Each structure stands twice: as C-alpha cells, then as structure tokens.
Amino acid sequence: AASLQRPIALYIALPTVHEPLEAPLSNTFTPPSTMTNRRALFAAMTKATDDMVRTLLKHLDLTTTIFCYASDNGGASLPPNAGSNYPLRGFKGYLFEGGIRTHAFITASGLIPPSQ
C-alpha cells in the first residue's frame, strides 16, 4: 500500500451483527452443540466482524493511526433475537446498562507512549 503523507479520517459502519441474521459462507466458526441455531448464526456473524476488523488493522499503519472501535447499542436479547447482555439488565432500545453499554477499544500504539 502507498504511504499517506497526511492524516485521514476513515469511518466504516459494519452492519454485520444485525438483522437479518446472515453469516458469510466463508465463515469458519464451528458452534458448540449446545448452541441454538439462531445463537450460532449470531456468533458466526460476530466472528465475521472480528475478521473484518483484523483485516482492516493489517492494512493500517498503526504507528501513525488512532483506531477506535465501538458499537451503537446493546444486543437485542428478547426472543426471537440471539443477543445476550448477561449479566447486565436490559437490551437494545432500553436505558438500562444492557441497552447502552457496549464493547469498544481505542489503540494509538505508535502515537501514545504505553505509560499513558
């Protein structure tokens, strides 16, 4: 890849863990036998998202990049949905922690010393 000479802002919305529940055919996730089909499909979609983020990170120059990853809301956990916010109370659309707390991370490994 060509080296960028100036900073850029890149926004990517990954709608992969969302209705309708569909996982890529190339997905290599093997669910445990105790998982329901909907839950296994949801887990496969989550793995596909992880794979996309991993691929994106491989192509970024992390010595000059601030990378932020976040979701927009908690999972939809009422039947027939496959999400789970356990042990948090609530789910998507509610103001309880299960509806608003999400996974997120920020990395700026080349720009901020590890001690900060």
PDB file of N, CA and C in Angstrom:
ATOM      1  N   ALA A   1       0.836  -1.192   0.000  1.00  0.00           N
ATOM      2  CA  ALA A   1       0.000   0.000   0.000  1.00  0.00           C
ATOM      3  C   ALA A   1       0.872   1.243   0.000  1.00  0.00           C
ATOM      4  N   ALA A   2       0.397   2.265  -0.642  1.00  0.00           N
ATOM      5  CA  ALA A   2       1.133   3.527  -0.698  1.00  0.00           C
ATOM      6  C   ALA A   2       1.105   4.213   0.658  1.00  0.00           C
ATOM      7  N   SER A   3       2.177   4.883   1.000  1.00  0.00           N
ATOM      8  CA  SER A   3       2.267   5.603   2.257  1.00  0.00           C
ATOM      9  C   SER A   3       1.519   6.925   2.141  1.00  0.00           C
ATOM     10  N   LEU A   4       0.710   7.232   3.150  1.00  0.00           N
ATOM     11  CA  LEU A   4      -0.010   8.501   3.161  1.00  0.00           C
ATOM     12  C   LEU A   4       0.877   9.576   3.751  1.00  0.00           C
ATOM     13  N   GLN A   5       0.847  10.740   3.173  1.00  0.00           N
ATOM     14  CA  GLN A   5       1.679  11.838   3.635  1.00  0.00           C
ATOM     15  C   GLN A   5       0.943  12.764   4.602  1.00  0.00           C
ATOM     16  N   ARG A   6      -0.359  12.590   4.763  1.00  0.00           N
ATOM     17  CA  ARG A   6      -1.116  13.435   5.679  1.00  0.00           C
ATOM     18  C   ARG A   6      -2.186  12.579   6.366  1.00  0.00           C
ATOM     19  N   PRO A   7      -2.669  13.041   7.504  1.00  0.00           N
ATOM     20  CA  PRO A   7      -3.690  12.271   8.224  1.00  0.00           C
ATOM     21  C   PRO A   7      -4.993  12.163   7.437  1.00  0.00           C
ATOM     22  N   ILE A   8      -5.701  11.095   7.663  1.00  0.00           N
ATOM     23  CA  ILE A   8      -7.030  10.927   7.078  1.00  0.00           C
ATOM     24  C   ILE A   8      -7.996  10.523   8.180  1.00  0.00           C
ATOM     25  N   ALA A   9      -9.267  10.722   7.932  1.00  0.00           N
ATOM     26  CA  ALA A   9     -10.325  10.223   8.811  1.00  0.00           C
ATOM     27  C   ALA A   9     -11.097   9.198   8.002  1.00  0.00           C
ATOM     28  N   LEU A  10     -11.258   8.031   8.558  1.00  0.00           N
ATOM     29  CA  LEU A  10     -11.966   6.953   7.868  1.00  0.00           C
ATOM     30  C   LEU A  10     -13.058   6.423   8.778  1.00  0.00           C
ATOM     31  N   TYR A  11     -14.286   6.411   8.290  1.00  0.00           N
ATOM     32  CA  TYR A  11     -15.417   5.895   9.051  1.00  0.00           C
ATOM     33  C   TYR A  11     -15.984   4.701   8.297  1.00  0.00           C
ATOM     34  N   ILE A  12     -16.084   3.579   8.970  1.00  0.00           N
ATOM     35  CA  ILE A  12     -16.664   2.382   8.363  1.00  0.00           C
ATOM     36  C   ILE A  12     -17.731   1.852   9.305  1.00  0.00           C
ATOM     37  N   ALA A  13     -18.933   1.706   8.818  1.00  0.00           N
ATOM     38  CA  ALA A  13     -20.019   1.127   9.613  1.00  0.00           C
ATOM     39  C   ALA A  13     -20.174  -0.335   9.191  1.00  0.00           C
ATOM     40  N   LEU A  14     -19.929  -1.234  10.120  1.00  0.00           N
ATOM     41  CA  LEU A  14     -20.037  -2.662   9.834  1.00  0.00           C
ATOM     42  C   LEU A  14     -21.394  -3.171  10.322  1.00  0.00           C
ATOM     43  N   PRO A  15     -22.335  -3.398   9.428  1.00  0.00           N
ATOM     44  CA  PRO A  15     -23.670  -3.833   9.848  1.00  0.00           C
ATOM     45  C   PRO A  15     -23.784  -5.352   9.995  1.00  0.00           C
ATOM     46  N   THR A  16     -22.691  -6.012  10.275  1.00  0.00           N
ATOM     47  CA  THR A  16     -22.693  -7.468  10.218  1.00  0.00           C
ATOM     48  C   THR A  16     -23.422  -8.158  11.356  1.00  0.00           C
ATOM     49  N   VAL A  17     -23.409  -7.621  12.560  1.00  0.00           N
ATOM     50  CA  VAL A  17     -24.132  -8.275  13.655  1.00  0.00           C
ATOM     51  C   VAL A  17     -25.445  -7.525  13.841  1.00  0.00           C
ATOM     52  N   HIS A  18     -26.359  -7.788  12.928  1.00  0.00           N
ATOM     53  CA  HIS A  18     -27.614  -7.054  12.862  1.00  0.00           C
ATOM     54  C   HIS A  18     -28.611  -7.908  12.102  1.00  0.00           C
ATOM     55  N   GLU A  19     -29.883  -7.597  12.260  1.00  0.00           N
ATOM     56  CA  GLU A  19     -30.905  -8.281  11.465  1.00  0.00           C
ATOM     57  C   GLU A  19     -30.775  -7.834  10.012  1.00  0.00           C
ATOM     58  N   PRO A  20     -31.013  -8.677   9.044  1.00  0.00           N
ATOM     59  CA  PRO A  20     -31.303 -10.105   9.187  1.00  0.00           C
ATOM     60  C   PRO A  20     -30.035 -10.884   9.549  1.00  0.00           C
ATOM     61  N   LEU A  21     -30.212 -11.971  10.276  1.00  0.00           N
ATOM     62  CA  LEU A  21     -29.080 -12.787  10.690  1.00  0.00           C
ATOM     63  C   LEU A  21     -28.566 -13.587   9.505  1.00  0.00           C
ATOM     64  N   GLU A  22     -27.413 -13.184   9.006  1.00  0.00           N
ATOM     65  CA  GLU A  22     -26.783 -13.838   7.854  1.00  0.00           C
ATOM     66  C   GLU A  22     -25.276 -13.808   8.044  1.00  0.00           C
ATOM     67  N   ALA A  23     -24.653 -14.956   7.974  1.00  0.00           N
ATOM     68  CA  ALA A  23     -23.196 -15.029   8.087  1.00  0.00           C
ATOM     69  C   ALA A  23     -22.606 -15.344   6.711  1.00  0.00           C
ATOM     70  N   PRO A  24     -21.397 -14.855   6.433  1.00  0.00           N
ATOM     71  CA  PRO A  24     -20.756 -15.177   5.154  1.00  0.00           C
ATOM     72  C   PRO A  24     -20.554 -16.685   4.999  1.00  0.00           C
ATOM     73  N   LEU A  25     -20.669 -17.164   3.781  1.00  0.00           N
ATOM     74  CA  LEU A  25     -20.474 -18.599   3.529  1.00  0.00           C
ATOM     75  C   LEU A  25     -19.058 -19.040   3.853  1.00  0.00           C
ATOM     76  N   SER A  26     -18.101 -18.116   3.786  1.00  0.00           N
ATOM     77  CA  SER A  26     -16.705 -18.466   4.029  1.00  0.00           C
ATOM     78  C   SER A  26     -16.373 -18.519   5.516  1.00  0.00           C
ATOM     79  N   ASN A  27     -17.351 -18.279   6.386  1.00  0.00           N
ATOM     80  CA  ASN A  27     -17.105 -18.239   7.821  1.00  0.00           C
ATOM     81  C   ASN A  27     -16.644 -19.599   8.333  1.00  0.00           C
ATOM     82  N   THR A  28     -15.644 -19.583   9.196  1.00  0.00           N
ATOM     83  CA  THR A  28     -15.064 -20.824   9.704  1.00  0.00           C
ATOM     84  C   THR A  28     -15.471 -21.116  11.144  1.00  0.00           C
ATOM     85  N   PHE A  29     -16.465 -20.416  11.660  1.00  0.00           N
ATOM     86  CA  PHE A  29     -16.909 -20.618  13.030  1.00  0.00           C
ATOM     87  C   PHE A  29     -17.624 -21.956  13.174  1.00  0.00           C
ATOM     88  N   THR A  30     -17.230 -22.741  14.158  1.00  0.00           N
ATOM     89  CA  THR A  30     -17.898 -24.008  14.459  1.00  0.00           C
ATOM     90  C   THR A  30     -18.530 -23.880  15.843  1.00  0.00           C
ATOM     91  N   PRO A  31     -19.865 -23.816  15.900  1.00  0.00           N
ATOM     92  CA  PRO A  31     -20.523 -23.612  17.187  1.00  0.00           C
ATOM     93  C   PRO A  31     -20.536 -24.875  18.045  1.00  0.00           C
ATOM     94  N   PRO A  32     -20.574 -24.702  19.367  1.00  0.00           N
ATOM     95  CA  PRO A  32     -20.738 -25.871  20.230  1.00  0.00           C
ATOM     96  C   PRO A  32     -22.118 -26.486  20.009  1.00  0.00           C
ATOM     97  N   SER A  33     -22.253 -27.745  20.270  1.00  0.00           N
ATOM     98  CA  SER A  33     -23.518 -28.447  20.012  1.00  0.00           C
ATOM     99  C   SER A  33     -24.647 -27.946  20.902  1.00  0.00           C
ATOM    100  N   THR A  34     -24.344 -27.275  21.997  1.00  0.00           N
ATOM    101  CA  THR A  34     -25.381 -26.778  22.905  1.00  0.00           C
ATOM    102  C   THR A  34     -25.997 -25.464  22.457  1.00  0.00           C
ATOM    103  N   MET A  35     -25.462 -24.842  21.413  1.00  0.00           N
ATOM    104  CA  MET A  35     -25.951 -23.552  20.940  1.00  0.00           C
ATOM    105  C   MET A  35     -27.156 -23.726  20.028  1.00  0.00           C
ATOM    106  N   THR A  36     -28.160 -22.854  20.189  1.00  0.00           N
ATOM    107  CA  THR A  36     -29.298 -22.873  19.272  1.00  0.00           C
ATOM    108  C   THR A  36     -28.823 -22.389  17.900  1.00  0.00           C
ATOM    109  N   ASN A  37     -29.594 -22.686  16.869  1.00  0.00           N
ATOM    110  CA  ASN A  37     -29.205 -22.269  15.514  1.00  0.00           C
ATOM    111  C   ASN A  37     -29.097 -20.756  15.399  1.00  0.00           C
ATOM    112  N   ARG A  38     -30.066 -20.015  15.969  1.00  0.00           N
ATOM    113  CA  ARG A  38     -30.014 -18.544  15.897  1.00  0.00           C
ATOM    114  C   ARG A  38     -28.804 -18.003  16.638  1.00  0.00           C
ATOM    115  N   ARG A  39     -28.510 -18.577  17.799  1.00  0.00           N
ATOM    116  CA  ARG A  39     -27.354 -18.118  18.586  1.00  0.00           C
ATOM    117  C   ARG A  39     -26.050 -18.440  17.849  1.00  0.00           C
ATOM    118  N   ALA A  40     -25.981 -19.618  17.221  1.00  0.00           N
ATOM    119  CA  ALA A  40     -24.790 -19.996  16.452  1.00  0.00           C
ATOM    120  C   ALA A  40     -24.597 -19.060  15.264  1.00  0.00           C
ATOM    121  N   LEU A  41     -25.683 -18.686  14.611  1.00  0.00           N
ATOM    122  CA  LEU A  41     -25.598 -17.758  13.483  1.00  0.00           C
ATOM    123  C   LEU A  41     -25.137 -16.383  13.961  1.00  0.00           C
ATOM    124  N   PHE A  42     -25.661 -15.941  15.093  1.00  0.00           N
ATOM    125  CA  PHE A  42     -25.242 -14.669  15.685  1.00  0.00           C
ATOM    126  C   PHE A  42     -23.753 -14.695  16.014  1.00  0.00           C
ATOM    127  N   ALA A  43     -23.281 -15.807  16.582  1.00  0.00           N
ATOM    128  CA  ALA A  43     -21.853 -15.950  16.911  1.00  0.00           C
ATOM    129  C   ALA A  43     -21.001 -15.949  15.641  1.00  0.00           C
ATOM    130  N   ALA A  44     -21.476 -16.585  14.582  1.00  0.00           N
ATOM    131  CA  ALA A  44     -20.742 -16.592  13.310  1.00  0.00           C
ATOM    132  C   ALA A  44     -20.661 -15.182  12.736  1.00  0.00           C
ATOM    133  N   MET A  45     -21.728 -14.409  12.891  1.00  0.00           N
ATOM    134  CA  MET A  45     -21.709 -13.025  12.417  1.00  0.00           C
ATOM    135  C   MET A  45     -20.707 -12.191  13.228  1.00  0.00           C
ATOM    136  N   THR A  46     -20.636 -12.453  14.524  1.00  0.00           N
ATOM    137  CA  THR A  46     -19.678 -11.746  15.379  1.00  0.00           C
ATOM    138  C   THR A  46     -18.253 -12.078  14.950  1.00  0.00           C
ATOM    139  N   LYS A  47     -17.993 -13.349  14.656  1.00  0.00           N
ATOM    140  CA  LYS A  47     -16.667 -13.749  14.185  1.00  0.00           C
ATOM    141  C   LYS A  47     -16.342 -13.072  12.857  1.00  0.00           C
ATOM    142  N   ALA A  48     -17.312 -12.955  11.971  1.00  0.00           N
ATOM    143  CA  ALA A  48     -17.094 -12.282  10.683  1.00  0.00           C
ATOM    144  C   ALA A  48     -16.712 -10.816  10.904  1.00  0.00           C
ATOM    145  N   THR A  49     -17.346 -10.159  11.885  1.00  0.00           N
ATOM    146  CA  THR A  49     -16.984  -8.777  12.218  1.00  0.00           C
ATOM    147  C   THR A  49     -15.555  -8.714  12.733  1.00  0.00           C
ATOM    148  N   ASP A  50     -15.205  -9.635  13.631  1.00  0.00           N
ATOM    149  CA  ASP A  50     -13.826  -9.697  14.144  1.00  0.00           C
ATOM    150  C   ASP A  50     -12.829  -9.857  12.998  1.00  0.00           C
ATOM    151  N   ASP A  51     -13.157 -10.722  12.054  1.00  0.00           N
ATOM    152  CA  ASP A  51     -12.267 -10.955  10.906  1.00  0.00           C
ATOM    153  C   ASP A  51     -12.104  -9.691  10.060  1.00  0.00           C
ATOM    154  N   MET A  52     -13.212  -8.938   9.863  1.00  0.00           N
ATOM    155  CA  MET A  52     -13.138  -7.704   9.078  1.00  0.00           C
ATOM    156  C   MET A  52     -12.263  -6.660   9.766  1.00  0.00           C
ATOM    157  N   VAL A  53     -12.427  -6.522  11.087  1.00  0.00           N
ATOM    158  CA  VAL A  53     -11.611  -5.552  11.824  1.00  0.00           C
ATOM    159  C   VAL A  53     -10.144  -5.970  11.785  1.00  0.00           C
ATOM    160  N   ARG A  54      -9.873  -7.254  11.941  1.00  0.00           N
ATOM    161  CA  ARG A  54      -8.492  -7.763  11.875  1.00  0.00           C
ATOM    162  C   ARG A  54      -7.871  -7.457  10.514  1.00  0.00           C
ATOM    163  N   THR A  55      -8.613  -7.660   9.444  1.00  0.00           N
ATOM    164  CA  THR A  55      -8.122  -7.369   8.100  1.00  0.00           C
ATOM    165  C   THR A  55      -7.848  -5.876   7.934  1.00  0.00           C
ATOM    166  N   LEU A  56      -8.761  -5.050   8.417  1.00  0.00           N
ATOM    167  CA  LEU A  56      -8.568  -3.606   8.337  1.00  0.00           C
ATOM    168  C   LEU A  56      -7.309  -3.189   9.084  1.00  0.00           C
ATOM    169  N   LEU A  57      -7.108  -3.718  10.291  1.00  0.00           N
ATOM    170  CA  LEU A  57      -5.935  -3.356  11.091  1.00  0.00           C
ATOM    171  C   LEU A  57      -4.628  -3.769  10.417  1.00  0.00           C
ATOM    172  N   LYS A  58      -4.649  -4.866   9.681  1.00  0.00           N
ATOM    173  CA  LYS A  58      -3.446  -5.305   8.964  1.00  0.00           C
ATOM    174  C   LYS A  58      -3.027  -4.304   7.896  1.00  0.00           C
ATOM    175  N   HIS A  59      -3.986  -3.547   7.355  1.00  0.00           N
ATOM    176  CA  HIS A  59      -3.704  -2.633   6.263  1.00  0.00           C
ATOM    177  C   HIS A  59      -3.484  -1.190   6.709  1.00  0.00           C
ATOM    178  N   LEU A  60      -3.594  -0.939   7.995  1.00  0.00           N
ATOM    179  CA  LEU A  60      -3.362   0.413   8.507  1.00  0.00           C
ATOM    180  C   LEU A  60      -1.958   0.515   9.072  1.00  0.00           C
ATOM    181  N   ASP A  61      -1.369   1.680   8.953  1.00  0.00           N
ATOM    182  CA  ASP A  61      -0.077   1.953   9.573  1.00  0.00           C
ATOM    183  C   ASP A  61      -0.372   2.370  11.012  1.00  0.00           C
ATOM    184  N   LEU A  62      -0.282   1.427  11.929  1.00  0.00           N
ATOM    185  CA  LEU A  62      -0.672   1.700  13.307  1.00  0.00           C
ATOM    186  C   LEU A  62       0.319   2.570  14.058  1.00  0.00           C
ATOM    187  N   THR A  63       1.446   2.892  13.429  1.00  0.00           N
ATOM    188  CA  THR A  63       2.378   3.819  14.076  1.00  0.00           C
ATOM    189  C   THR A  63       1.929   5.264  13.899  1.00  0.00           C
ATOM    190  N   THR A  64       1.014   5.512  12.974  1.00  0.00           N
ATOM    191  CA  THR A  64       0.526   6.868  12.730  1.00  0.00           C
ATOM    192  C   THR A  64      -1.002   6.940  12.747  1.00  0.00           C
ATOM    193  N   THR A  65      -1.643   5.955  13.361  1.00  0.00           N
ATOM    194  CA  THR A  65      -3.095   5.866  13.310  1.00  0.00           C
ATOM    195  C   THR A  65      -3.695   5.776  14.710  1.00  0.00           C
ATOM    196  N   ILE A  66      -4.765   6.498  14.926  1.00  0.00           N
ATOM    197  CA  ILE A  66      -5.593   6.303  16.115  1.00  0.00           C
ATOM    198  C   ILE A  66      -6.801   5.511  15.639  1.00  0.00           C
ATOM    199  N   PHE A  67      -6.982   4.324  16.181  1.00  0.00           N
ATOM    200  CA  PHE A  67      -8.064   3.442  15.748  1.00  0.00           C
ATOM    201  C   PHE A  67      -9.060   3.288  16.889  1.00  0.00           C
ATOM    202  N   CYS A  68     -10.325   3.583  16.620  1.00  0.00           N
ATOM    203  CA  CYS A  68     -11.393   3.481  17.607  1.00  0.00           C
ATOM    204  C   CYS A  68     -12.459   2.538  17.072  1.00  0.00           C
ATOM    205  N   TYR A  69     -12.870   1.594  17.904  1.00  0.00           N
ATOM    206  CA  TYR A  69     -13.917   0.650  17.518  1.00  0.00           C
ATOM    207  C   TYR A  69     -14.996   0.686  18.591  1.00  0.00           C
ATOM    208  N   ALA A  70     -16.248   0.827  18.189  1.00  0.00           N
ATOM    209  CA  ALA A  70     -17.349   0.853  19.148  1.00  0.00           C
ATOM    210  C   ALA A  70     -18.638   0.384  18.489  1.00  0.00           C
ATOM    211  N   SER A  71     -19.573  -0.020  19.315  1.00  0.00           N
ATOM    212  CA  SER A  71     -20.901  -0.403  18.854  1.00  0.00           C
ATOM    213  C   SER A  71     -21.864   0.742  19.163  1.00  0.00           C
ATOM    214  N   ASP A  72     -23.082   0.639  18.662  1.00  0.00           N
ATOM    215  CA  ASP A  72     -24.046   1.716  18.872  1.00  0.00           C
ATOM    216  C   ASP A  72     -25.029   1.435  19.997  1.00  0.00           C
ATOM    217  N   ASN A  73     -25.191   0.191  20.401  1.00  0.00           N
ATOM    218  CA  ASN A  73     -26.138  -0.135  21.463  1.00  0.00           C
ATOM    219  C   ASN A  73     -25.916  -1.571  21.929  1.00  0.00           C
ATOM    220  N   GLY A  74     -26.583  -1.915  23.001  1.00  0.00           N
ATOM    221  CA  GLY A  74     -26.524  -3.286  23.489  1.00  0.00           C
ATOM    222  C   GLY A  74     -27.266  -4.222  22.561  1.00  0.00           C
ATOM    223  N   GLY A  75     -27.131  -5.500  22.811  1.00  0.00           N
ATOM    224  CA  GLY A  75     -27.751  -6.512  21.958  1.00  0.00           C
ATOM    225  C   GLY A  75     -29.258  -6.608  22.128  1.00  0.00           C
ATOM    226  N   ALA A  76     -29.911  -7.077  21.086  1.00  0.00           N
ATOM    227  CA  ALA A  76     -31.345  -7.368  21.134  1.00  0.00           C
ATOM    228  C   ALA A  76     -31.499  -8.781  21.684  1.00  0.00           C
ATOM    229  N   SER A  77     -31.925  -8.883  22.942  1.00  0.00           N
ATOM    230  CA  SER A  77     -31.876 -10.192  23.587  1.00  0.00           C
ATOM    231  C   SER A  77     -33.237 -10.829  23.855  1.00  0.00           C
ATOM    232  N   LEU A  78     -34.320 -10.191  23.482  1.00  0.00           N
ATOM    233  CA  LEU A  78     -35.630 -10.823  23.656  1.00  0.00           C
ATOM    234  C   LEU A  78     -35.887 -11.795  22.521  1.00  0.00           C
ATOM    235  N   PRO A  79     -36.560 -12.911  22.785  1.00  0.00           N
ATOM    236  CA  PRO A  79     -36.883 -13.857  21.696  1.00  0.00           C
ATOM    237  C   PRO A  79     -37.654 -13.142  20.601  1.00  0.00           C
ATOM    238  N   PRO A  80     -37.399 -13.401  19.327  1.00  0.00           N
ATOM    239  CA  PRO A  80     -36.557 -14.481  18.817  1.00  0.00           C
ATOM    240  C   PRO A  80     -35.107 -14.059  18.584  1.00  0.00           C
ATOM    241  N   ASN A  81     -34.666 -12.952  19.163  1.00  0.00           N
ATOM    242  CA  ASN A  81     -33.311 -12.458  18.922  1.00  0.00           C
ATOM    243  C   ASN A  81     -32.270 -13.349  19.586  1.00  0.00           C
ATOM    244  N   ALA A  82     -31.031 -13.207  19.156  1.00  0.00           N
ATOM    245  CA  ALA A  82     -29.972 -14.110  19.613  1.00  0.00           C
ATOM    246  C   ALA A  82     -28.936 -13.420  20.481  1.00  0.00           C
ATOM    247  N   GLY A  83     -29.096 -12.126  20.740  1.00  0.00           N
ATOM    248  CA  GLY A  83     -28.112 -11.410  21.546  1.00  0.00           C
ATOM    249  C   GLY A  83     -28.215 -11.756  23.023  1.00  0.00           C
ATOM    250  N   SER A  84     -27.180 -11.425  23.748  1.00  0.00           N
ATOM    251  CA  SER A  84     -27.171 -11.609  25.194  1.00  0.00           C
ATOM    252  C   SER A  84     -26.369 -10.480  25.818  1.00  0.00           C
ATOM    253  N   ASN A  85     -26.941  -9.839  26.804  1.00  0.00           N
ATOM    254  CA  ASN A  85     -26.253  -8.774  27.526  1.00  0.00           C
ATOM    255  C   ASN A  85     -25.939  -9.204  28.958  1.00  0.00           C
ATOM    256  N   TYR A  86     -26.080 -10.479  29.234  1.00  0.00           N
ATOM    257  CA  TYR A  86     -25.848 -11.007  30.575  1.00  0.00           C
ATOM    258  C   TYR A  86     -24.468 -10.637  31.062  1.00  0.00           C
ATOM    259  N   PRO A  87     -24.293 -10.184  32.261  1.00  0.00           N
ATOM    260  CA  PRO A  87     -25.238 -10.113  33.381  1.00  0.00           C
ATOM    261  C   PRO A  87     -25.941  -8.756  33.499  1.00  0.00           C
ATOM    262  N   LEU A  88     -25.883  -7.949  32.465  1.00  0.00           N
ATOM    263  CA  LEU A  88     -26.488  -6.615  32.530  1.00  0.00           C
ATOM    264  C   LEU A  88     -27.996  -6.679  32.337  1.00  0.00           C
ATOM    265  N   ARG A  89     -28.698  -5.746  32.952  1.00  0.00           N
ATOM    266  CA  ARG A  89     -30.150  -5.645  32.825  1.00  0.00           C
ATOM    267  C   ARG A  89     -30.487  -4.832  31.584  1.00  0.00           C
ATOM    268  N   GLY A  90     -31.472  -5.255  30.838  1.00  0.00           N
ATOM    269  CA  GLY A  90     -31.926  -4.500  29.677  1.00  0.00           C
ATOM    270  C   GLY A  90     -31.306  -4.977  28.378  1.00  0.00           C
ATOM    271  N   PHE A  91     -31.731  -4.331  27.302  1.00  0.00           N
ATOM    272  CA  PHE A  91     -31.305  -4.725  25.963  1.00  0.00           C
ATOM    273  C   PHE A  91     -31.498  -3.549  25.027  1.00  0.00           C
ATOM    274  N   LYS A  92     -31.195  -3.742  23.754  1.00  0.00           N
ATOM    275  CA  LYS A  92     -31.287  -2.688  22.744  1.00  0.00           C
ATOM    276  C   LYS A  92     -32.598  -1.917  22.878  1.00  0.00           C
ATOM    277  N   GLY A  93     -32.490  -0.592  22.908  1.00  0.00           N
ATOM    278  CA  GLY A  93     -33.674   0.243  22.994  1.00  0.00           C
ATOM    279  C   GLY A  93     -34.033   0.661  24.419  1.00  0.00           C
ATOM    280  N   TYR A  94     -33.324   0.146  25.416  1.00  0.00           N
ATOM    281  CA  TYR A  94     -33.582   0.484  26.810  1.00  0.00           C
ATOM    282  C   TYR A  94     -32.413   1.261  27.386  1.00  0.00           C
ATOM    283  N   LEU A  95     -32.671   2.067  28.424  1.00  0.00           N
ATOM    284  CA  LEU A  95     -31.618   2.862  29.035  1.00  0.00           C
ATOM    285  C   LEU A  95     -30.887   2.123  30.155  1.00  0.00           C
ATOM    286  N   PHE A  96     -31.283   0.887  30.445  1.00  0.00           N
ATOM    287  CA  PHE A  96     -30.510   0.082  31.386  1.00  0.00           C
ATOM    288  C   PHE A  96     -29.163  -0.241  30.755  1.00  0.00           C
ATOM    289  N   GLU A  97     -28.215  -0.688  31.589  1.00  0.00           N
ATOM    290  CA  GLU A  97     -26.863  -0.939  31.079  1.00  0.00           C
ATOM    291  C   GLU A  97     -26.838  -1.903  29.895  1.00  0.00           C
ATOM    292  N   GLY A  98     -27.703  -2.888  29.868  1.00  0.00           N
ATOM    293  CA  GLY A  98     -27.727  -3.836  28.759  1.00  0.00           C
ATOM    294  C   GLY A  98     -28.099  -3.203  27.430  1.00  0.00           C
ATOM    295  N   GLY A  99     -28.725  -2.044  27.466  1.00  0.00           N
ATOM    296  CA  GLY A  99     -29.102  -1.356  26.234  1.00  0.00           C
ATOM    297  C   GLY A  99     -28.109  -0.323  25.771  1.00  0.00           C
ATOM    298  N   ILE A 100     -27.264   0.154  26.689  1.00  0.00           N
ATOM    299  CA  ILE A 100     -26.356   1.234  26.304  1.00  0.00           C
ATOM    300  C   ILE A 100     -24.878   0.896  26.448  1.00  0.00           C
ATOM    301  N   ARG A 101     -24.538  -0.097  27.260  1.00  0.00           N
ATOM    302  CA  ARG A 101     -23.125  -0.458  27.424  1.00  0.00           C
ATOM    303  C   ARG A 101     -22.716  -1.386  26.284  1.00  0.00           C
ATOM    304  N   THR A 102     -21.633  -1.076  25.642  1.00  0.00           N
ATOM    305  CA  THR A 102     -21.170  -1.894  24.515  1.00  0.00           C
ATOM    306  C   THR A 102     -19.663  -2.111  24.614  1.00  0.00           C
ATOM    307  N   HIS A 103     -19.189  -2.999  23.783  1.00  0.00           N
ATOM    308  CA  HIS A 103     -17.742  -3.225  23.681  1.00  0.00           C
ATOM    309  C   HIS A 103     -17.129  -2.091  22.865  1.00  0.00           C
ATOM    310  N   ALA A 104     -15.907  -1.730  23.205  1.00  0.00           N
ATOM    311  CA  ALA A 104     -15.202  -0.683  22.483  1.00  0.00           C
ATOM    312  C   ALA A 104     -13.724  -0.755  22.822  1.00  0.00           C
ATOM    313  N   PHE A 105     -12.906  -0.254  21.906  1.00  0.00           N
ATOM    314  CA  PHE A 105     -11.489  -0.103  22.210  1.00  0.00           C
ATOM    315  C   PHE A 105     -10.884   0.980  21.330  1.00  0.00           C
ATOM    316  N   ILE A 106      -9.816   1.573  21.835  1.00  0.00           N
ATOM    317  CA  ILE A 106      -9.051   2.572  21.101  1.00  0.00           C
ATOM    318  C   ILE A 106      -7.587   2.162  21.169  1.00  0.00           C
ATOM    319  N   THR A 107      -6.903   2.241  20.048  1.00  0.00           N
ATOM    320  CA  THR A 107      -5.463   1.979  20.050  1.00  0.00           C
ATOM    321  C   THR A 107      -4.777   3.091  19.273  1.00  0.00           C
ATOM    322  N   ALA A 108      -3.656   3.513  19.798  1.00  0.00           N
ATOM    323  CA  ALA A 108      -2.815   4.507  19.137  1.00  0.00           C
ATOM    324  C   ALA A 108      -1.376   4.153  19.478  1.00  0.00           C
ATOM    325  N   SER A 109      -1.025   2.907  19.202  1.00  0.00           N
ATOM    326  CA  SER A 109       0.237   2.349  19.674  1.00  0.00           C
ATOM    327  C   SER A 109       1.469   3.135  19.244  1.00  0.00           C
ATOM    328  N   GLY A 110       1.455   3.749  18.094  1.00  0.00           N
ATOM    329  CA  GLY A 110       2.634   4.490  17.645  1.00  0.00           C
ATOM    330  C   GLY A 110       2.610   5.957  18.022  1.00  0.00           C
ATOM    331  N   LEU A 111       1.494   6.431  18.569  1.00  0.00           N
ATOM    332  CA  LEU A 111       1.362   7.854  18.853  1.00  0.00           C
ATOM    333  C   LEU A 111       1.367   8.192  20.342  1.00  0.00           C
ATOM    334  N   ILE A 112       0.971   7.247  21.175  1.00  0.00           N
ATOM    335  CA  ILE A 112       0.891   7.490  22.609  1.00  0.00           C
ATOM    336  C   ILE A 112       1.772   6.486  23.330  1.00  0.00           C
ATOM    337  N   PRO A 113       2.689   6.943  24.159  1.00  0.00           N
ATOM    338  CA  PRO A 113       3.550   6.008  24.882  1.00  0.00           C
ATOM    339  C   PRO A 113       2.730   5.041  25.737  1.00  0.00           C
ATOM    340  N   PRO A 114       3.163   3.798  25.877  1.00  0.00           N
ATOM    341  CA  PRO A 114       2.422   2.802  26.639  1.00  0.00           C
ATOM    342  C   PRO A 114       2.142   3.223  28.078  1.00  0.00           C
ATOM    343  N   SER A 115       2.958   4.105  28.651  1.00  0.00           N
ATOM    344  CA  SER A 115       2.768   4.521  30.035  1.00  0.00           C
ATOM    345  C   SER A 115       1.607   5.492  30.217  1.00  0.00           C
ATOM    346  N   GLN A 116       1.029   5.981  29.123  1.00  0.00           N
ATOM    347  CA  GLN A 116      -0.065   6.955  29.235  1.00  0.00           C
ATOM    348  C   GLN A 116      -1.400   6.339  28.931  1.00  0.00           C
TER     349      GLN A 116
END
